[in-house]
Protein backbone atom coordinates (compact mmCIF):
# COMPACT_ATOMS: atom_id res chain seq x y z
CA UNK A 1 0.00 0.00 0.00
CA UNK A 2 1.58 3.26 -1.11
CA UNK A 3 1.24 6.36 1.06
CA UNK A 4 0.16 9.66 -0.39
CA UNK A 5 2.67 12.34 0.48
CA UNK A 6 2.41 16.09 0.72
CA UNK A 7 5.06 18.72 0.15
CA UNK A 8 4.79 21.24 2.93
CA UNK A 9 4.53 24.27 0.69
CA UNK A 10 3.54 26.59 3.53
CA UNK A 11 6.89 26.14 5.21
CA UNK A 12 8.84 23.69 7.32
CA UNK A 13 7.16 21.17 9.60
CA UNK A 14 8.45 23.15 12.59
CA UNK A 15 9.17 26.86 12.51
CA UNK A 16 11.83 28.42 14.67
CA UNK A 17 9.04 30.00 16.73
CA UNK A 18 7.37 26.58 17.21
CA UNK A 19 10.69 25.26 18.49
CA UNK A 20 11.30 28.19 20.82
CA UNK A 21 7.77 27.97 22.19
CA UNK A 22 8.23 24.26 22.88
CA UNK A 23 11.57 24.88 24.60
CA UNK A 24 10.14 27.92 26.45
CA UNK A 25 12.82 30.26 25.12
CA UNK A 26 12.12 33.98 24.70
CA UNK A 27 15.44 35.41 23.58
CA UNK A 28 17.23 35.20 20.24
CA UNK A 29 20.73 34.30 21.48
CA UNK A 30 20.47 30.62 20.55
CA UNK A 31 18.39 30.87 17.37
CA UNK A 32 21.09 29.32 15.17
CA UNK A 33 21.56 26.36 17.52
CA UNK A 34 17.80 25.87 17.94
CA UNK A 35 17.32 25.92 14.16
CA UNK A 36 20.07 23.31 13.77
CA UNK A 37 18.43 21.06 16.37
CA UNK A 38 15.00 21.64 14.81
CA UNK A 39 16.21 20.60 11.36
CA UNK A 40 17.95 17.55 12.84
CA UNK A 41 14.84 16.55 14.81
CA UNK A 42 12.61 16.68 11.73
CA UNK A 43 15.20 14.81 9.65
CA UNK A 44 15.47 12.12 12.32
CA UNK A 45 11.70 11.54 12.13
CA UNK A 46 11.75 11.25 8.35
CA UNK A 47 14.80 8.98 8.42
CA UNK A 48 13.24 6.75 11.07
CA UNK A 49 10.28 6.20 8.73
CA UNK A 50 12.46 5.99 5.60
CA UNK A 51 10.52 8.88 4.07
CA UNK A 52 11.46 12.06 2.26
CA UNK A 53 8.12 13.79 2.88
CA UNK A 54 5.50 13.76 5.62
CA UNK A 55 2.48 11.63 4.65
CA UNK A 56 -0.85 13.42 4.19
CA UNK A 57 -2.68 13.55 7.49
CA UNK A 58 0.38 12.58 9.51
CA UNK A 59 1.59 16.12 10.19
CA UNK A 60 0.47 16.17 13.86
CA UNK A 61 2.29 12.91 14.65
CA UNK A 62 5.47 14.03 12.90
CA UNK A 63 5.35 17.47 14.51
CA UNK A 64 4.87 16.01 18.01
CA UNK A 65 7.66 13.46 17.48
CA UNK A 66 9.98 16.16 16.13
CA UNK A 67 9.26 18.36 19.16
CA UNK A 68 10.13 15.45 21.48
CA UNK A 69 13.38 14.91 19.55
CA UNK A 70 14.10 18.64 19.71
CA UNK A 71 13.66 18.67 23.48
CA UNK A 72 16.09 15.77 23.81
CA UNK A 73 18.68 17.44 21.57
CA UNK A 74 18.41 20.78 23.33
CA UNK A 75 18.37 19.31 26.83
CA UNK A 76 21.25 16.89 26.29
CA UNK A 77 24.02 18.82 24.59
CA UNK A 78 26.66 16.23 25.39
CA UNK A 79 26.91 12.65 24.16
CA UNK A 80 27.51 11.43 27.73
CA UNK A 81 26.42 13.10 30.95
CA UNK A 82 28.25 11.93 34.07
CA UNK A 83 26.08 11.10 37.04
CA UNK A 84 22.83 11.17 35.10
CA UNK A 85 20.48 8.29 34.50
CA UNK A 86 18.09 8.46 31.56
CA UNK A 87 15.37 6.13 30.45
CA UNK A 88 14.28 5.86 26.85
CA UNK A 89 11.05 7.67 26.03
CA UNK A 90 9.37 5.66 23.28
CA UNK A 91 6.68 8.28 22.63
CA UNK A 92 8.35 9.72 19.52
CA UNK A 93 8.83 6.28 18.01
CA UNK A 94 5.27 5.32 18.89
CA UNK A 95 3.95 8.41 17.09
CA UNK A 96 5.89 7.49 13.95
CA UNK A 97 5.54 3.70 13.97
CA UNK A 98 2.40 3.65 11.74
CA UNK A 99 4.31 5.51 9.03
CA UNK A 100 7.57 3.54 9.24
CA UNK A 101 8.72 1.54 6.23
CA UNK A 102 10.43 -1.67 7.22
CA UNK A 103 12.59 -3.24 4.53
CA UNK A 104 13.26 -6.96 4.49
PDB file of N, CA and C in Angstrom:
ATOM      1  N   UNK A   1       0.838  -1.173   0.000  1.00  0.00           N
ATOM      2  CA  UNK A   1       0.000   0.000   0.000  1.00  0.00           C
ATOM      3  C   UNK A   1       0.887   1.242   0.000  1.00  0.00           C
ATOM      4  N   UNK A   2       0.773   2.052  -1.009  1.00  0.00           N
ATOM      5  CA  UNK A   2       1.579   3.265  -1.108  1.00  0.00           C
ATOM      6  C   UNK A   2       0.919   4.388  -0.314  1.00  0.00           C
ATOM      7  N   UNK A   3       1.751   5.207   0.328  1.00  0.00           N
ATOM      8  CA  UNK A   3       1.244   6.358   1.062  1.00  0.00           C
ATOM      9  C   UNK A   3       1.221   7.578   0.166  1.00  0.00           C
ATOM     10  N   UNK A   4       0.166   8.360   0.256  1.00  0.00           N
ATOM     11  CA  UNK A   4       0.163   9.657  -0.392  1.00  0.00           C
ATOM     12  C   UNK A   4       1.059  10.563   0.426  1.00  0.00           C
ATOM     13  N   UNK A   5       1.805  11.419  -0.239  1.00  0.00           N
ATOM     14  CA  UNK A   5       2.670  12.340   0.485  1.00  0.00           C
ATOM     15  C   UNK A   5       2.332  13.763   0.098  1.00  0.00           C
ATOM     16  N   UNK A   6       2.673  14.681   0.955  1.00  0.00           N
ATOM     17  CA  UNK A   6       2.413  16.093   0.721  1.00  0.00           C
ATOM     18  C   UNK A   6       3.726  16.852   0.867  1.00  0.00           C
ATOM     19  N   UNK A   7       3.940  17.803   0.005  1.00  0.00           N
ATOM     20  CA  UNK A   7       5.059  18.720   0.150  1.00  0.00           C
ATOM     21  C   UNK A   7       4.546  19.878   0.992  1.00  0.00           C
ATOM     22  N   UNK A   8       5.243  20.173   2.047  1.00  0.00           N
ATOM     23  CA  UNK A   8       4.794  21.239   2.931  1.00  0.00           C
ATOM     24  C   UNK A   8       5.134  22.588   2.305  1.00  0.00           C
ATOM     25  N   UNK A   9       4.251  23.059   1.450  1.00  0.00           N
ATOM     26  CA  UNK A   9       4.529  24.272   0.694  1.00  0.00           C
ATOM     27  C   UNK A   9       4.382  25.531   1.546  1.00  0.00           C
ATOM     28  N   UNK A  10       3.717  25.420   2.695  1.00  0.00           N
ATOM     29  CA  UNK A  10       3.541  26.590   3.533  1.00  0.00           C
ATOM     30  C   UNK A  10       4.736  26.826   4.447  1.00  0.00           C
ATOM     31  N   UNK A  11       5.704  25.960   4.395  1.00  0.00           N
ATOM     32  CA  UNK A  11       6.891  26.141   5.210  1.00  0.00           C
ATOM     33  C   UNK A  11       7.326  24.836   5.832  1.00  0.00           C
ATOM     34  N   UNK A  12       8.316  24.901   6.696  1.00  0.00           N
ATOM     35  CA  UNK A  12       8.841  23.690   7.322  1.00  0.00           C
ATOM     36  C   UNK A  12       7.828  23.093   8.296  1.00  0.00           C
ATOM     37  N   UNK A  13       8.028  21.845   8.641  1.00  0.00           N
ATOM     38  CA  UNK A  13       7.163  21.169   9.604  1.00  0.00           C
ATOM     39  C   UNK A  13       7.156  21.917  10.931  1.00  0.00           C
ATOM     40  N   UNK A  14       8.319  22.373  11.358  1.00  0.00           N
ATOM     41  CA  UNK A  14       8.453  23.153  12.587  1.00  0.00           C
ATOM     42  C   UNK A  14       9.132  24.475  12.270  1.00  0.00           C
ATOM     43  N   UNK A  15       8.521  25.557  12.663  1.00  0.00           N
ATOM     44  CA  UNK A  15       9.171  26.858  12.511  1.00  0.00           C
ATOM     45  C   UNK A  15      10.091  27.095  13.702  1.00  0.00           C
ATOM     46  N   UNK A  16      10.956  28.059  13.563  1.00  0.00           N
ATOM     47  CA  UNK A  16      11.829  28.423  14.671  1.00  0.00           C
ATOM     48  C   UNK A  16      10.987  28.846  15.865  1.00  0.00           C
ATOM     49  N   UNK A  17       9.898  29.558  15.627  1.00  0.00           N
ATOM     50  CA  UNK A  17       9.041  29.998  16.726  1.00  0.00           C
ATOM     51  C   UNK A  17       8.360  28.812  17.408  1.00  0.00           C
ATOM     52  N   UNK A  18       7.920  27.815  16.620  1.00  0.00           N
ATOM     53  CA  UNK A  18       7.366  26.584  17.213  1.00  0.00           C
ATOM     54  C   UNK A  18       8.383  25.955  18.161  1.00  0.00           C
ATOM     55  N   UNK A  19       9.622  25.871  17.698  1.00  0.00           N
ATOM     56  CA  UNK A  19      10.687  25.261  18.486  1.00  0.00           C
ATOM     57  C   UNK A  19      10.936  26.050  19.767  1.00  0.00           C
ATOM     58  N   UNK A  20      11.034  27.359  19.644  1.00  0.00           N
ATOM     59  CA  UNK A  20      11.301  28.192  20.818  1.00  0.00           C
ATOM     60  C   UNK A  20      10.139  28.139  21.803  1.00  0.00           C
ATOM     61  N   UNK A  21       8.929  28.097  21.304  1.00  0.00           N
ATOM     62  CA  UNK A  21       7.766  27.974  22.187  1.00  0.00           C
ATOM     63  C   UNK A  21       7.827  26.653  22.948  1.00  0.00           C
ATOM     64  N   UNK A  22       8.140  25.580  22.248  1.00  0.00           N
ATOM     65  CA  UNK A  22       8.226  24.261  22.883  1.00  0.00           C
ATOM     66  C   UNK A  22       9.322  24.238  23.948  1.00  0.00           C
ATOM     67  N   UNK A  23      10.441  24.862  23.662  1.00  0.00           N
ATOM     68  CA  UNK A  23      11.567  24.883  24.595  1.00  0.00           C
ATOM     69  C   UNK A  23      11.427  25.974  25.659  1.00  0.00           C
ATOM     70  N   UNK A  24      10.397  26.806  25.525  1.00  0.00           N
ATOM     71  CA  UNK A  24      10.139  27.921  26.452  1.00  0.00           C
ATOM     72  C   UNK A  24      11.308  28.904  26.475  1.00  0.00           C
ATOM     73  N   UNK A  25      11.706  29.327  25.275  1.00  0.00           N
ATOM     74  CA  UNK A  25      12.816  30.265  25.122  1.00  0.00           C
ATOM     75  C   UNK A  25      12.281  31.552  24.519  1.00  0.00           C
ATOM     76  N   UNK A  26      12.600  32.677  25.170  1.00  0.00           N
ATOM     77  CA  UNK A  26      12.118  33.976  24.704  1.00  0.00           C
ATOM     78  C   UNK A  26      13.151  34.746  23.892  1.00  0.00           C
ATOM     79  N   UNK A  27      14.409  34.623  24.233  1.00  0.00           N
ATOM     80  CA  UNK A  27      15.444  35.409  23.577  1.00  0.00           C
ATOM     81  C   UNK A  27      15.844  34.853  22.222  1.00  0.00           C
ATOM     82  N   UNK A  28      16.761  35.577  21.575  1.00  0.00           N
ATOM     83  CA  UNK A  28      17.230  35.204  20.243  1.00  0.00           C
ATOM     84  C   UNK A  28      18.681  34.725  20.236  1.00  0.00           C
ATOM     85  N   UNK A  29      19.302  34.631  21.405  1.00  0.00           N
ATOM     86  CA  UNK A  29      20.728  34.303  21.482  1.00  0.00           C
ATOM     87  C   UNK A  29      21.069  32.942  20.887  1.00  0.00           C
ATOM     88  N   UNK A  30      20.164  31.979  20.991  1.00  0.00           N
ATOM     89  CA  UNK A  30      20.467  30.619  20.553  1.00  0.00           C
ATOM     90  C   UNK A  30      19.691  30.209  19.301  1.00  0.00           C
ATOM     91  N   UNK A  31      19.213  31.181  18.549  1.00  0.00           N
ATOM     92  CA  UNK A  31      18.393  30.868  17.372  1.00  0.00           C
ATOM     93  C   UNK A  31      19.085  29.933  16.383  1.00  0.00           C
ATOM     94  N   UNK A  32      20.361  30.156  16.136  1.00  0.00           N
ATOM     95  CA  UNK A  32      21.088  29.323  15.175  1.00  0.00           C
ATOM     96  C   UNK A  32      21.174  27.875  15.668  1.00  0.00           C
ATOM     97  N   UNK A  33      21.482  27.693  16.941  1.00  0.00           N
ATOM     98  CA  UNK A  33      21.562  26.361  17.525  1.00  0.00           C
ATOM     99  C   UNK A  33      20.186  25.687  17.530  1.00  0.00           C
ATOM    100  N   UNK A  34      19.156  26.428  17.905  1.00  0.00           N
ATOM    101  CA  UNK A  34      17.801  25.872  17.942  1.00  0.00           C
ATOM    102  C   UNK A  34      17.350  25.476  16.545  1.00  0.00           C
ATOM    103  N   UNK A  35      17.682  26.270  15.534  1.00  0.00           N
ATOM    104  CA  UNK A  35      17.315  25.916  14.163  1.00  0.00           C
ATOM    105  C   UNK A  35      18.038  24.650  13.717  1.00  0.00           C
ATOM    106  N   UNK A  36      19.311  24.521  14.091  1.00  0.00           N
ATOM    107  CA  UNK A  36      20.072  23.310  13.773  1.00  0.00           C
ATOM    108  C   UNK A  36      19.414  22.085  14.401  1.00  0.00           C
ATOM    109  N   UNK A  37      19.081  22.178  15.684  1.00  0.00           N
ATOM    110  CA  UNK A  37      18.433  21.061  16.373  1.00  0.00           C
ATOM    111  C   UNK A  37      17.046  20.780  15.797  1.00  0.00           C
ATOM    112  N   UNK A  38      16.325  21.811  15.405  1.00  0.00           N
ATOM    113  CA  UNK A  38      15.002  21.643  14.811  1.00  0.00           C
ATOM    114  C   UNK A  38      15.101  20.879  13.502  1.00  0.00           C
ATOM    115  N   UNK A  39      16.020  21.287  12.643  1.00  0.00           N
ATOM    116  CA  UNK A  39      16.213  20.603  11.360  1.00  0.00           C
ATOM    117  C   UNK A  39      16.619  19.148  11.583  1.00  0.00           C
ATOM    118  N   UNK A  40      17.508  18.911  12.549  1.00  0.00           N
ATOM    119  CA  UNK A  40      17.954  17.549  12.842  1.00  0.00           C
ATOM    120  C   UNK A  40      16.812  16.703  13.393  1.00  0.00           C
ATOM    121  N   UNK A  41      15.969  17.281  14.224  1.00  0.00           N
ATOM    122  CA  UNK A  41      14.843  16.547  14.811  1.00  0.00           C
ATOM    123  C   UNK A  41      13.850  16.117  13.741  1.00  0.00           C
ATOM    124  N   UNK A  42      13.534  17.013  12.819  1.00  0.00           N
ATOM    125  CA  UNK A  42      12.614  16.675  11.727  1.00  0.00           C
ATOM    126  C   UNK A  42      13.241  15.618  10.827  1.00  0.00           C
ATOM    127  N   UNK A  43      14.518  15.781  10.497  1.00  0.00           N
ATOM    128  CA  UNK A  43      15.204  14.810   9.646  1.00  0.00           C
ATOM    129  C   UNK A  43      15.241  13.441  10.306  1.00  0.00           C
ATOM    130  N   UNK A  44      15.441  13.396  11.613  1.00  0.00           N
ATOM    131  CA  UNK A  44      15.467  12.121  12.321  1.00  0.00           C
ATOM    132  C   UNK A  44      14.121  11.404  12.209  1.00  0.00           C
ATOM    133  N   UNK A  45      13.038  12.148  12.272  1.00  0.00           N
ATOM    134  CA  UNK A  45      11.704  11.544  12.131  1.00  0.00           C
ATOM    135  C   UNK A  45      11.510  10.966  10.735  1.00  0.00           C
ATOM    136  N   UNK A  46      11.896  11.729   9.730  1.00  0.00           N
ATOM    137  CA  UNK A  46      11.750  11.245   8.352  1.00  0.00           C
ATOM    138  C   UNK A  46      12.653  10.044   8.093  1.00  0.00           C
ATOM    139  N   UNK A  47      13.867  10.081   8.601  1.00  0.00           N
ATOM    140  CA  UNK A  47      14.804   8.977   8.420  1.00  0.00           C
ATOM    141  C   UNK A  47      14.306   7.725   9.128  1.00  0.00           C
ATOM    142  N   UNK A  48      13.768   7.885  10.322  1.00  0.00           N
ATOM    143  CA  UNK A  48      13.239   6.746  11.071  1.00  0.00           C
ATOM    144  C   UNK A  48      12.169   6.021  10.264  1.00  0.00           C
ATOM    145  N   UNK A  49      11.361   6.790   9.531  1.00  0.00           N
ATOM    146  CA  UNK A  49      10.279   6.204   8.731  1.00  0.00           C
ATOM    147  C   UNK A  49      10.700   5.908   7.299  1.00  0.00           C
ATOM    148  N   UNK A  50      11.957   6.186   6.952  1.00  0.00           N
ATOM    149  CA  UNK A  50      12.461   5.990   5.600  1.00  0.00           C
ATOM    150  C   UNK A  50      11.607   6.758   4.591  1.00  0.00           C
ATOM    151  N   UNK A  51      11.328   8.012   4.932  1.00  0.00           N
ATOM    152  CA  UNK A  51      10.515   8.880   4.074  1.00  0.00           C
ATOM    153  C   UNK A  51      11.279  10.146   3.741  1.00  0.00           C
ATOM    154  N   UNK A  52      10.893  10.755   2.630  1.00  0.00           N
ATOM    155  CA  UNK A  52      11.458  12.064   2.264  1.00  0.00           C
ATOM    156  C   UNK A  52      10.472  13.176   2.565  1.00  0.00           C
ATOM    157  N   UNK A  53       9.180  12.818   2.629  1.00  0.00           N
ATOM    158  CA  UNK A  53       8.124  13.791   2.884  1.00  0.00           C
ATOM    159  C   UNK A  53       7.188  13.255   3.954  1.00  0.00           C
ATOM    160  N   UNK A  54       6.477  14.153   4.604  1.00  0.00           N
ATOM    161  CA  UNK A  54       5.502  13.761   5.618  1.00  0.00           C
ATOM    162  C   UNK A  54       4.223  13.294   4.924  1.00  0.00           C
ATOM    163  N   UNK A  55       3.714  12.111   5.274  1.00  0.00           N
ATOM    164  CA  UNK A  55       2.477  11.630   4.650  1.00  0.00           C
ATOM    165  C   UNK A  55       1.290  12.547   4.951  1.00  0.00           C
ATOM    166  N   UNK A  56       0.369  12.625   4.006  1.00  0.00           N
ATOM    167  CA  UNK A  56      -0.845  13.423   4.190  1.00  0.00           C
ATOM    168  C   UNK A  56      -1.569  12.947   5.437  1.00  0.00           C
ATOM    169  N   UNK A  57      -1.947  13.869   6.277  1.00  0.00           N
ATOM    170  CA  UNK A  57      -2.678  13.552   7.487  1.00  0.00           C
ATOM    171  C   UNK A  57      -1.810  13.170   8.669  1.00  0.00           C
ATOM    172  N   UNK A  58      -0.519  13.003   8.438  1.00  0.00           N
ATOM    173  CA  UNK A  58       0.383  12.583   9.514  1.00  0.00           C
ATOM    174  C   UNK A  58       1.137  13.754  10.133  1.00  0.00           C
ATOM    175  N   UNK A  59       0.849  14.954   9.705  1.00  0.00           N
ATOM    176  CA  UNK A  59       1.590  16.122  10.188  1.00  0.00           C
ATOM    177  C   UNK A  59       1.585  16.242  11.710  1.00  0.00           C
ATOM    178  N   UNK A  60       0.439  16.042  12.395  1.00  0.00           N
ATOM    179  CA  UNK A  60       0.471  16.169  13.865  1.00  0.00           C
ATOM    180  C   UNK A  60       1.406  15.162  14.531  1.00  0.00           C
ATOM    181  N   UNK A  61       1.408  13.929  14.062  1.00  0.00           N
ATOM    182  CA  UNK A  61       2.290  12.915  14.646  1.00  0.00           C
ATOM    183  C   UNK A  61       3.754  13.258  14.415  1.00  0.00           C
ATOM    184  N   UNK A  62       4.085  13.677  13.211  1.00  0.00           N
ATOM    185  CA  UNK A  62       5.472  14.033  12.895  1.00  0.00           C
ATOM    186  C   UNK A  62       5.898  15.276  13.660  1.00  0.00           C
ATOM    187  N   UNK A  63       5.008  16.250  13.783  1.00  0.00           N
ATOM    188  CA  UNK A  63       5.346  17.474  14.510  1.00  0.00           C
ATOM    189  C   UNK A  63       5.584  17.164  15.983  1.00  0.00           C
ATOM    190  N   UNK A  64       4.702  16.362  16.595  1.00  0.00           N
ATOM    191  CA  UNK A  64       4.867  16.008  18.007  1.00  0.00           C
ATOM    192  C   UNK A  64       6.159  15.218  18.225  1.00  0.00           C
ATOM    193  N   UNK A  65       6.433  14.257  17.355  1.00  0.00           N
ATOM    194  CA  UNK A  65       7.656  13.463  17.480  1.00  0.00           C
ATOM    195  C   UNK A  65       8.893  14.340  17.302  1.00  0.00           C
ATOM    196  N   UNK A  66       8.846  15.259  16.350  1.00  0.00           N
ATOM    197  CA  UNK A  66       9.979  16.156  16.132  1.00  0.00           C
ATOM    198  C   UNK A  66      10.199  17.064  17.341  1.00  0.00           C
ATOM    199  N   UNK A  67       9.124  17.526  17.965  1.00  0.00           N
ATOM    200  CA  UNK A  67       9.262  18.361  19.163  1.00  0.00           C
ATOM    201  C   UNK A  67       9.883  17.567  20.312  1.00  0.00           C
ATOM    202  N   UNK A  68       9.503  16.293  20.455  1.00  0.00           N
ATOM    203  CA  UNK A  68      10.127  15.454  21.480  1.00  0.00           C
ATOM    204  C   UNK A  68      11.619  15.279  21.199  1.00  0.00           C
ATOM    205  N   UNK A  69      11.970  15.029  19.932  1.00  0.00           N
ATOM    206  CA  UNK A  69      13.385  14.909  19.551  1.00  0.00           C
ATOM    207  C   UNK A  69      14.125  16.214  19.820  1.00  0.00           C
ATOM    208  N   UNK A  70      13.497  17.327  19.487  1.00  0.00           N
ATOM    209  CA  UNK A  70      14.104  18.641  19.709  1.00  0.00           C
ATOM    210  C   UNK A  70      14.409  18.846  21.183  1.00  0.00           C
ATOM    211  N   UNK A  71      13.449  18.524  22.041  1.00  0.00           N
ATOM    212  CA  UNK A  71      13.664  18.675  23.476  1.00  0.00           C
ATOM    213  C   UNK A  71      14.836  17.852  23.967  1.00  0.00           C
ATOM    214  N   UNK A  72      14.956  16.622  23.446  1.00  0.00           N
ATOM    215  CA  UNK A  72      16.093  15.774  23.814  1.00  0.00           C
ATOM    216  C   UNK A  72      17.408  16.379  23.347  1.00  0.00           C
ATOM    217  N   UNK A  73      17.447  16.852  22.102  1.00  0.00           N
ATOM    218  CA  UNK A  73      18.676  17.440  21.569  1.00  0.00           C
ATOM    219  C   UNK A  73      19.076  18.689  22.340  1.00  0.00           C
ATOM    220  N   UNK A  74      18.116  19.529  22.635  1.00  0.00           N
ATOM    221  CA  UNK A  74      18.414  20.782  23.330  1.00  0.00           C
ATOM    222  C   UNK A  74      18.792  20.535  24.793  1.00  0.00           C
ATOM    223  N   UNK A  75      18.121  19.579  25.418  1.00  0.00           N
ATOM    224  CA  UNK A  75      18.370  19.311  26.834  1.00  0.00           C
ATOM    225  C   UNK A  75      19.621  18.508  27.101  1.00  0.00           C
ATOM    226  N   UNK A  76      20.076  17.749  26.129  1.00  0.00           N
ATOM    227  CA  UNK A  76      21.252  16.887  26.292  1.00  0.00           C
ATOM    228  C   UNK A  76      22.280  17.289  25.253  1.00  0.00           C
ATOM    229  N   UNK A  77      23.068  18.277  25.571  1.00  0.00           N
ATOM    230  CA  UNK A  77      24.018  18.818  24.593  1.00  0.00           C
ATOM    231  C   UNK A  77      25.337  18.071  24.556  1.00  0.00           C
ATOM    232  N   UNK A  78      25.459  17.054  25.376  1.00  0.00           N
ATOM    233  CA  UNK A  78      26.664  16.234  25.393  1.00  0.00           C
ATOM    234  C   UNK A  78      26.271  14.798  25.085  1.00  0.00           C
ATOM    235  N   UNK A  79      27.183  14.048  24.484  1.00  0.00           N
ATOM    236  CA  UNK A  79      26.907  12.651  24.161  1.00  0.00           C
ATOM    237  C   UNK A  79      26.777  11.809  25.428  1.00  0.00           C
ATOM    238  N   UNK A  80      27.547  12.152  26.465  1.00  0.00           N
ATOM    239  CA  UNK A  80      27.512  11.432  27.728  1.00  0.00           C
ATOM    240  C   UNK A  80      27.438  12.460  28.849  1.00  0.00           C
ATOM    241  N   UNK A  81      26.547  12.214  29.800  1.00  0.00           N
ATOM    242  CA  UNK A  81      26.424  13.101  30.950  1.00  0.00           C
ATOM    243  C   UNK A  81      26.752  12.292  32.198  1.00  0.00           C
ATOM    244  N   UNK A  82      27.825  12.661  32.878  1.00  0.00           N
ATOM    245  CA  UNK A  82      28.253  11.927  34.070  1.00  0.00           C
ATOM    246  C   UNK A  82      27.245  12.119  35.195  1.00  0.00           C
ATOM    247  N   UNK A  83      26.955  11.026  35.880  1.00  0.00           N
ATOM    248  CA  UNK A  83      26.078  11.104  37.043  1.00  0.00           C
ATOM    249  C   UNK A  83      24.600  11.185  36.731  1.00  0.00           C
ATOM    250  N   UNK A  84      24.229  11.095  35.490  1.00  0.00           N
ATOM    251  CA  UNK A  84      22.826  11.174  35.098  1.00  0.00           C
ATOM    252  C   UNK A  84      22.335   9.810  34.655  1.00  0.00           C
ATOM    253  N   UNK A  85      21.100   9.533  34.940  1.00  0.00           N
ATOM    254  CA  UNK A  85      20.476   8.293  34.497  1.00  0.00           C
ATOM    255  C   UNK A  85      19.255   8.653  33.671  1.00  0.00           C
ATOM    256  N   UNK A  86      19.190   8.155  32.451  1.00  0.00           N
ATOM    257  CA  UNK A  86      18.092   8.464  31.560  1.00  0.00           C
ATOM    258  C   UNK A  86      17.423   7.188  31.100  1.00  0.00           C
ATOM    259  N   UNK A  87      16.115   7.218  31.058  1.00  0.00           N
ATOM    260  CA  UNK A  87      15.368   6.133  30.452  1.00  0.00           C
ATOM    261  C   UNK A  87      15.017   6.537  29.030  1.00  0.00           C
ATOM    262  N   UNK A  88      14.672   5.582  28.228  1.00  0.00           N
ATOM    263  CA  UNK A  88      14.283   5.858  26.853  1.00  0.00           C
ATOM    264  C   UNK A  88      12.802   6.188  26.831  1.00  0.00           C
ATOM    265  N   UNK A  89      12.451   7.290  26.185  1.00  0.00           N
ATOM    266  CA  UNK A  89      11.051   7.672  26.034  1.00  0.00           C
ATOM    267  C   UNK A  89      10.603   7.226  24.651  1.00  0.00           C
ATOM    268  N   UNK A  90       9.772   6.200  24.573  1.00  0.00           N
ATOM    269  CA  UNK A  90       9.372   5.662  23.275  1.00  0.00           C
ATOM    270  C   UNK A  90       8.257   6.449  22.592  1.00  0.00           C
ATOM    271  N   UNK A  91       7.824   7.554  23.177  1.00  0.00           N
ATOM    272  CA  UNK A  91       6.679   8.283  22.628  1.00  0.00           C
ATOM    273  C   UNK A  91       6.904   8.722  21.193  1.00  0.00           C
ATOM    274  N   UNK A  92       8.066   9.274  20.890  1.00  0.00           N
ATOM    275  CA  UNK A  92       8.349   9.718  19.524  1.00  0.00           C
ATOM    276  C   UNK A  92       8.278   8.579  18.531  1.00  0.00           C
ATOM    277  N   UNK A  93       8.875   7.446  18.891  1.00  0.00           N
ATOM    278  CA  UNK A  93       8.831   6.278  18.010  1.00  0.00           C
ATOM    279  C   UNK A  93       7.401   5.765  17.872  1.00  0.00           C
ATOM    280  N   UNK A  94       6.649   5.776  18.950  1.00  0.00           N
ATOM    281  CA  UNK A  94       5.265   5.323  18.889  1.00  0.00           C
ATOM    282  C   UNK A  94       4.421   6.198  17.973  1.00  0.00           C
ATOM    283  N   UNK A  95       4.686   7.496  17.972  1.00  0.00           N
ATOM    284  CA  UNK A  95       3.953   8.408  17.094  1.00  0.00           C
ATOM    285  C   UNK A  95       4.241   8.121  15.627  1.00  0.00           C
ATOM    286  N   UNK A  96       5.459   7.693  15.332  1.00  0.00           N
ATOM    287  CA  UNK A  96       5.891   7.493  13.949  1.00  0.00           C
ATOM    288  C   UNK A  96       5.731   6.061  13.450  1.00  0.00           C
ATOM    289  N   UNK A  97       5.573   5.120  14.355  1.00  0.00           N
ATOM    290  CA  UNK A  97       5.541   3.701  13.971  1.00  0.00           C
ATOM    291  C   UNK A  97       4.550   3.391  12.844  1.00  0.00           C
ATOM    292  N   UNK A  98       3.333   3.978  12.825  1.00  0.00           N
ATOM    293  CA  UNK A  98       2.402   3.648  11.737  1.00  0.00           C
ATOM    294  C   UNK A  98       2.894   4.063  10.351  1.00  0.00           C
ATOM    295  N   UNK A  99       3.845   4.974  10.305  1.00  0.00           N
ATOM    296  CA  UNK A  99       4.314   5.508   9.027  1.00  0.00           C
ATOM    297  C   UNK A  99       5.676   4.945   8.635  1.00  0.00           C
ATOM    298  N   UNK A 100       6.225   4.075   9.462  1.00  0.00           N
ATOM    299  CA  UNK A 100       7.566   3.542   9.236  1.00  0.00           C
ATOM    300  C   UNK A 100       7.554   2.478   8.140  1.00  0.00           C
ATOM    301  N   UNK A 101       8.526   2.562   7.267  1.00  0.00           N
ATOM    302  CA  UNK A 101       8.721   1.541   6.229  1.00  0.00           C
ATOM    303  C   UNK A 101       9.790   0.592   6.733  1.00  0.00           C
ATOM    304  N   UNK A 102       9.463  -0.676   6.782  1.00  0.00           N
ATOM    305  CA  UNK A 102      10.431  -1.674   7.220  1.00  0.00           C
ATOM    306  C   UNK A 102      10.816  -2.505   6.010  1.00  0.00           C
ATOM    307  N   UNK A 103      12.089  -2.507   5.705  1.00  0.00           N
ATOM    308  CA  UNK A 103      12.586  -3.243   4.533  1.00  0.00           C
ATOM    309  C   UNK A 103      13.117  -4.597   4.980  1.00  0.00           C
ATOM    310  N   UNK A 104      12.807  -5.594   4.184  1.00  0.00           N
ATOM    311  CA  UNK A 104      13.263  -6.955   4.485  1.00  0.00           C
ATOM    312  C   UNK A 104      14.191  -7.421   3.388  1.00  0.00           C
TER     313      UNK A 104
END
